[in-house]
């Protein structure tokens, strides 16, 4: 929880530095770094709360007591899944940006016009899908401290007494 909080502060500093720069988000490098920082904030905020936002009465495999409800659990799982899926895709976008510029000598102007929409679109779209689908199927559940993931039932829950995750096909997990 401590390192996640430090990560949030660091990402906020990067965002502020980008927004205070002369070129702001007009450069592809700045906009991709902004996206990486924003998704890192979403993931780190979800992680910084740890099991605190899990519903009361759910075993969290942590000495920290669960104080939340199903709504806070869903929100934490939503932000966790967006950050955990869109963040690495934004890192790939940054690598592709440098690959196109350095290896293939494509101008920044051409990258901005032709490729940049995909460098943002893929991480954002995939992140939203990864965040929304588990909510729709009630499968974003705590899997032990400190994370959430797409699982049939919450950590420590026995299938016959659980109500969440009934819409999930366990063979797809």
C-alpha atoms as a PDB file:
ATOM      1  CA  UNK A   1       0.000   0.000   0.000  1.00  0.00           C
ATOM      2  CA  UNK A   2       2.922   2.347   0.667  1.00  0.00           C
ATOM      3  CA  UNK A   3       4.662   1.816  -2.668  1.00  0.00           C
ATOM      4  CA  UNK A   4       1.358   2.211  -4.531  1.00  0.00           C
ATOM      5  CA  UNK A   5       0.868   5.577  -2.816  1.00  0.00           C
ATOM      6  CA  UNK A   6       4.377   6.661  -3.827  1.00  0.00           C
ATOM      7  CA  UNK A   7       3.617   5.553  -7.394  1.00  0.00           C
ATOM      8  CA  UNK A   8       0.452   7.704  -7.458  1.00  0.00           C
ATOM      9  CA  UNK A   9       2.405  10.766  -6.307  1.00  0.00           C
ATOM     10  CA  UNK A  10       5.162  10.131  -8.877  1.00  0.00           C
ATOM     11  CA  UNK A  11       2.665   9.741 -11.718  1.00  0.00           C
ATOM     12  CA  UNK A  12       0.872  12.932 -10.680  1.00  0.00           C
ATOM     13  CA  UNK A  13       4.204  14.780 -10.785  1.00  0.00           C
ATOM     14  CA  UNK A  14       4.853  13.464 -14.315  1.00  0.00           C
ATOM     15  CA  UNK A  15       1.379  14.561 -15.460  1.00  0.00           C
ATOM     16  CA  UNK A  16       1.866  18.026 -13.965  1.00  0.00           C
ATOM     17  CA  UNK A  17       5.270  18.326 -15.667  1.00  0.00           C
ATOM     18  CA  UNK A  18       3.744  17.375 -19.036  1.00  0.00           C
ATOM     19  CA  UNK A  19       0.836  19.796 -18.658  1.00  0.00           C
ATOM     20  CA  UNK A  20       3.173  22.638 -17.621  1.00  0.00           C
ATOM     21  CA  UNK A  21       5.547  22.085 -20.545  1.00  0.00           C
ATOM     22  CA  UNK A  22       5.367  24.322 -23.603  1.00  0.00           C
ATOM     23  CA  UNK A  23       4.211  21.546 -25.945  1.00  0.00           C
ATOM     24  CA  UNK A  24       1.862  19.901 -23.423  1.00  0.00           C
ATOM     25  CA  UNK A  25       0.113  16.928 -25.080  1.00  0.00           C
ATOM     26  CA  UNK A  26       0.865  18.003 -28.654  1.00  0.00           C
ATOM     27  CA  UNK A  27       3.890  15.691 -28.841  1.00  0.00           C
ATOM     28  CA  UNK A  28       3.264  11.961 -29.222  1.00  0.00           C
ATOM     29  CA  UNK A  29       5.876  11.119 -26.592  1.00  0.00           C
ATOM     30  CA  UNK A  30       4.155  13.421 -24.085  1.00  0.00           C
ATOM     31  CA  UNK A  31       0.680  12.049 -24.775  1.00  0.00           C
ATOM     32  CA  UNK A  32       1.799   8.412 -24.468  1.00  0.00           C
ATOM     33  CA  UNK A  33       3.692   9.186 -21.244  1.00  0.00           C
ATOM     34  CA  UNK A  34       0.542  10.942 -20.003  1.00  0.00           C
ATOM     35  CA  UNK A  35      -1.458   7.784 -20.767  1.00  0.00           C
ATOM     36  CA  UNK A  36       1.063   5.574 -18.976  1.00  0.00           C
ATOM     37  CA  UNK A  37       0.952   7.854 -15.932  1.00  0.00           C
ATOM     38  CA  UNK A  38      -2.844   8.020 -15.905  1.00  0.00           C
ATOM     39  CA  UNK A  39      -3.280   4.252 -16.092  1.00  0.00           C
ATOM     40  CA  UNK A  40      -0.604   3.857 -13.428  1.00  0.00           C
ATOM     41  CA  UNK A  41      -2.612   6.169 -11.165  1.00  0.00           C
ATOM     42  CA  UNK A  42      -5.752   4.062 -11.669  1.00  0.00           C
ATOM     43  CA  UNK A  43      -3.906   0.840 -10.870  1.00  0.00           C
ATOM     44  CA  UNK A  44      -1.932   2.289  -7.957  1.00  0.00           C
ATOM     45  CA  UNK A  45      -4.989   3.889  -6.353  1.00  0.00           C
ATOM     46  CA  UNK A  46      -6.779   0.533  -6.519  1.00  0.00           C
ATOM     47  CA  UNK A  47      -3.750  -1.206  -4.995  1.00  0.00           C
ATOM     48  CA  UNK A  48      -3.155   1.468  -2.345  1.00  0.00           C
ATOM     49  CA  UNK A  49      -6.474   0.700  -0.682  1.00  0.00           C
ATOM     50  CA  UNK A  50      -5.592  -2.976  -0.523  1.00  0.00           C
ATOM     51  CA  UNK A  51      -8.287  -5.112   1.075  1.00  0.00           C
ATOM     52  CA  UNK A  52      -9.914  -2.152   2.871  1.00  0.00           C
ATOM     53  CA  UNK A  53     -12.540  -1.725   0.119  1.00  0.00           C
ATOM     54  CA  UNK A  54     -13.472  -5.423   0.052  1.00  0.00           C
ATOM     55  CA  UNK A  55     -16.936  -6.219   1.409  1.00  0.00           C
ATOM     56  CA  UNK A  56     -17.173  -6.782   5.145  1.00  0.00           C
ATOM     57  CA  UNK A  57     -17.025 -10.427   6.050  1.00  0.00           C
ATOM     58  CA  UNK A  58     -14.920 -11.542   3.069  1.00  0.00           C
ATOM     59  CA  UNK A  59     -11.632 -13.190   3.908  1.00  0.00           C
ATOM     60  CA  UNK A  60      -8.842 -11.083   2.397  1.00  0.00           C
ATOM     61  CA  UNK A  61      -5.794 -13.120   3.486  1.00  0.00           C
ATOM     62  CA  UNK A  62      -4.510  -9.936   5.076  1.00  0.00           C
ATOM     63  CA  UNK A  63      -4.268  -8.587   8.615  1.00  0.00           C
ATOM     64  CA  UNK A  64      -6.086  -5.482   7.376  1.00  0.00           C
ATOM     65  CA  UNK A  65      -9.817  -5.591   7.954  1.00  0.00           C
ATOM     66  CA  UNK A  66     -12.264  -5.337   5.054  1.00  0.00           C
ATOM     67  CA  UNK A  67     -14.479  -2.265   5.570  1.00  0.00           C
ATOM     68  CA  UNK A  68     -16.169  -1.834   2.197  1.00  0.00           C
ATOM     69  CA  UNK A  69     -19.263  -3.067   0.440  1.00  0.00           C
ATOM     70  CA  UNK A  70     -19.963  -4.565  -2.967  1.00  0.00           C
ATOM     71  CA  UNK A  71     -19.997  -1.123  -4.645  1.00  0.00           C
ATOM     72  CA  UNK A  72     -16.531  -0.197  -3.333  1.00  0.00           C
ATOM     73  CA  UNK A  73     -15.279  -3.654  -4.267  1.00  0.00           C
ATOM     74  CA  UNK A  74     -16.631  -3.245  -7.820  1.00  0.00           C
ATOM     75  CA  UNK A  75     -15.090   0.219  -8.160  1.00  0.00           C
ATOM     76  CA  UNK A  76     -11.713  -1.008  -6.945  1.00  0.00           C
ATOM     77  CA  UNK A  77     -11.849  -3.987  -9.299  1.00  0.00           C
ATOM     78  CA  UNK A  78     -12.872  -1.733 -12.223  1.00  0.00           C
ATOM     79  CA  UNK A  79      -9.940   0.656 -11.736  1.00  0.00           C
ATOM     80  CA  UNK A  80      -7.558  -2.224 -11.062  1.00  0.00           C
ATOM     81  CA  UNK A  81      -8.500  -3.988 -14.300  1.00  0.00           C
ATOM     82  CA  UNK A  82      -8.258  -0.808 -16.398  1.00  0.00           C
ATOM     83  CA  UNK A  83      -4.841   0.070 -14.983  1.00  0.00           C
ATOM     84  CA  UNK A  84      -3.533  -3.498 -15.097  1.00  0.00           C
ATOM     85  CA  UNK A  85      -4.514  -3.984 -18.748  1.00  0.00           C
ATOM     86  CA  UNK A  86      -4.144  -0.518 -20.314  1.00  0.00           C
ATOM     87  CA  UNK A  87      -0.853   0.313 -18.568  1.00  0.00           C
ATOM     88  CA  UNK A  88       1.235  -2.407 -20.222  1.00  0.00           C
ATOM     89  CA  UNK A  89      -0.415  -1.672 -23.572  1.00  0.00           C
ATOM     90  CA  UNK A  90       0.600   1.977 -23.214  1.00  0.00           C
ATOM     91  CA  UNK A  91       4.158   0.802 -22.507  1.00  0.00           C
ATOM     92  CA  UNK A  92       4.002  -1.170 -25.771  1.00  0.00           C
ATOM     93  CA  UNK A  93       2.728   1.979 -27.501  1.00  0.00           C
ATOM     94  CA  UNK A  94       5.776   3.865 -26.259  1.00  0.00           C
ATOM     95  CA  UNK A  95       8.055   1.112 -27.532  1.00  0.00           C
ATOM     96  CA  UNK A  96       6.332   1.154 -30.926  1.00  0.00           C
ATOM     97  CA  UNK A  97       6.723   4.925 -31.082  1.00  0.00           C
ATOM     98  CA  UNK A  98      10.479   4.625 -30.585  1.00  0.00           C
ATOM     99  CA  UNK A  99      10.743   1.633 -32.915  1.00  0.00           C
ATOM    100  CA  UNK A 100       9.037   3.513 -35.736  1.00  0.00           C
ATOM    101  CA  UNK A 101      11.126   6.616 -35.168  1.00  0.00           C
ATOM    102  CA  UNK A 102      14.531   5.044 -34.607  1.00  0.00           C
ATOM    103  CA  UNK A 103      14.548   1.798 -36.571  1.00  0.00           C
ATOM    104  CA  UNK A 104      12.304   2.767 -39.480  1.00  0.00           C
ATOM    105  CA  UNK A 105      13.086   6.529 -39.518  1.00  0.00           C
ATOM    106  CA  UNK A 106       9.425   7.522 -39.708  1.00  0.00           C
ATOM    107  CA  UNK A 107       8.996  11.199 -38.934  1.00  0.00           C
ATOM    108  CA  UNK A 108       7.247  12.278 -35.764  1.00  0.00           C
ATOM    109  CA  UNK A 109       4.697  14.122 -37.904  1.00  0.00           C
ATOM    110  CA  UNK A 110       3.769  10.925 -39.766  1.00  0.00           C
ATOM    111  CA  UNK A 111       3.585   8.944 -36.541  1.00  0.00           C
ATOM    112  CA  UNK A 112       1.328  11.600 -35.032  1.00  0.00           C
ATOM    113  CA  UNK A 113      -1.047  11.607 -38.008  1.00  0.00           C
ATOM    114  CA  UNK A 114      -1.151   7.925 -38.931  1.00  0.00           C
ATOM    115  CA  UNK A 115      -0.200   5.831 -35.916  1.00  0.00           C
ATOM    116  CA  UNK A 116      -0.894   7.827 -32.747  1.00  0.00           C
ATOM    117  CA  UNK A 117      -4.667   7.177 -32.740  1.00  0.00           C
ATOM    118  CA  UNK A 118      -3.926   3.448 -32.521  1.00  0.00           C
ATOM    119  CA  UNK A 119      -1.255   3.994 -29.868  1.00  0.00           C
ATOM    120  CA  UNK A 120      -3.992   5.457 -27.650  1.00  0.00           C
ATOM    121  CA  UNK A 121      -7.061   3.672 -28.967  1.00  0.00           C
ATOM    122  CA  UNK A 122      -5.912   0.110 -28.341  1.00  0.00           C
ATOM    123  CA  UNK A 123      -4.921   0.617 -24.667  1.00  0.00           C
ATOM    124  CA  UNK A 124      -8.014   2.677 -23.876  1.00  0.00           C
ATOM    125  CA  UNK A 125     -10.441   0.321 -25.604  1.00  0.00           C
ATOM    126  CA  UNK A 126      -8.877  -2.828 -24.174  1.00  0.00           C
ATOM    127  CA  UNK A 127      -8.691  -1.240 -20.706  1.00  0.00           C
ATOM    128  CA  UNK A 128     -12.370  -0.284 -20.757  1.00  0.00           C
ATOM    129  CA  UNK A 129     -13.387  -3.737 -21.950  1.00  0.00           C
ATOM    130  CA  UNK A 130     -11.233  -5.333 -19.235  1.00  0.00           C
ATOM    131  CA  UNK A 131     -12.882  -3.078 -16.639  1.00  0.00           C
ATOM    132  CA  UNK A 132     -16.511  -3.329 -17.780  1.00  0.00           C
ATOM    133  CA  UNK A 133     -16.882  -7.034 -18.606  1.00  0.00           C
ATOM    134  CA  UNK A 134     -16.018  -8.279 -15.092  1.00  0.00           C
ATOM    135  CA  UNK A 135     -18.651  -5.907 -13.703  1.00  0.00           C
ATOM    136  CA  UNK A 136     -21.269  -7.236 -16.109  1.00  0.00           C
ATOM    137  CA  UNK A 137     -20.478 -10.855 -15.209  1.00  0.00           C
ATOM    138  CA  UNK A 138     -19.944 -10.202 -11.483  1.00  0.00           C
ATOM    139  CA  UNK A 139     -16.504 -11.721 -11.759  1.00  0.00           C
ATOM    140  CA  UNK A 140     -14.253  -8.926 -10.501  1.00  0.00           C
ATOM    141  CA  UNK A 141     -13.538 -10.362  -7.084  1.00  0.00           C
ATOM    142  CA  UNK A 142     -10.784 -10.132  -4.489  1.00  0.00           C
ATOM    143  CA  UNK A 143      -8.275 -12.962  -4.930  1.00  0.00           C
ATOM    144  CA  UNK A 144      -6.273 -12.229  -1.831  1.00  0.00           C
ATOM    145  CA  UNK A 145      -4.202  -9.276  -0.804  1.00  0.00           C
ATOM    146  CA  UNK A 146      -3.691  -6.962  -2.606  1.00  0.00           C
ATOM    147  CA  UNK A 147      -5.354  -7.640  -5.921  1.00  0.00           C
ATOM    148  CA  UNK A 148      -8.552  -8.210  -7.799  1.00  0.00           C
ATOM    149  CA  UNK A 149      -8.915 -10.375 -10.822  1.00  0.00           C
ATOM    150  CA  UNK A 150     -11.482 -12.137 -12.940  1.00  0.00           C
ATOM    151  CA  UNK A 151     -12.376 -15.183 -10.892  1.00  0.00           C
ATOM    152  CA  UNK A 152     -15.542 -17.194 -10.409  1.00  0.00           C
ATOM    153  CA  UNK A 153     -15.794 -16.529  -6.667  1.00  0.00           C
ATOM    154  CA  UNK A 154     -14.072 -14.224  -4.142  1.00  0.00           C
ATOM    155  CA  UNK A 155     -11.041 -15.518  -2.239  1.00  0.00           C
ATOM    156  CA  UNK A 156     -12.009 -18.016   0.458  1.00  0.00           C
ATOM    157  CA  UNK A 157     -15.583 -18.322  -0.796  1.00  0.00           C
ATOM    158  CA  UNK A 158     -17.147 -21.740  -1.193  1.00  0.00           C
ATOM    159  CA  UNK A 159     -19.162 -22.158  -4.416  1.00  0.00           C
ATOM    160  CA  UNK A 160     -22.373 -23.378  -2.777  1.00  0.00           C
ATOM    161  CA  UNK A 161     -22.710 -20.329  -0.506  1.00  0.00           C
ATOM    162  CA  UNK A 162     -21.588 -17.613  -2.929  1.00  0.00           C
ATOM    163  CA  UNK A 163     -23.876 -15.476  -5.008  1.00  0.00           C
ATOM    164  CA  UNK A 164     -21.292 -13.667  -7.117  1.00  0.00           C
ATOM    165  CA  UNK A 165     -19.807 -15.063 -10.259  1.00  0.00           C
ATOM    166  CA  UNK A 166     -22.774 -17.257 -11.125  1.00  0.00           C
ATOM    167  CA  UNK A 167     -22.777 -15.857 -14.679  1.00  0.00           C
ATOM    168  CA  UNK A 168     -19.165 -16.895 -15.253  1.00  0.00           C
ATOM    169  CA  UNK A 169     -18.269 -20.074 -17.069  1.00  0.00           C
ATOM    170  CA  UNK A 170     -15.298 -21.471 -15.064  1.00  0.00           C
ATOM    171  CA  UNK A 171     -13.934 -23.136 -18.212  1.00  0.00           C
ATOM    172  CA  UNK A 172     -13.334 -19.665 -19.701  1.00  0.00           C
ATOM    173  CA  UNK A 173     -11.168 -18.526 -16.780  1.00  0.00           C
END
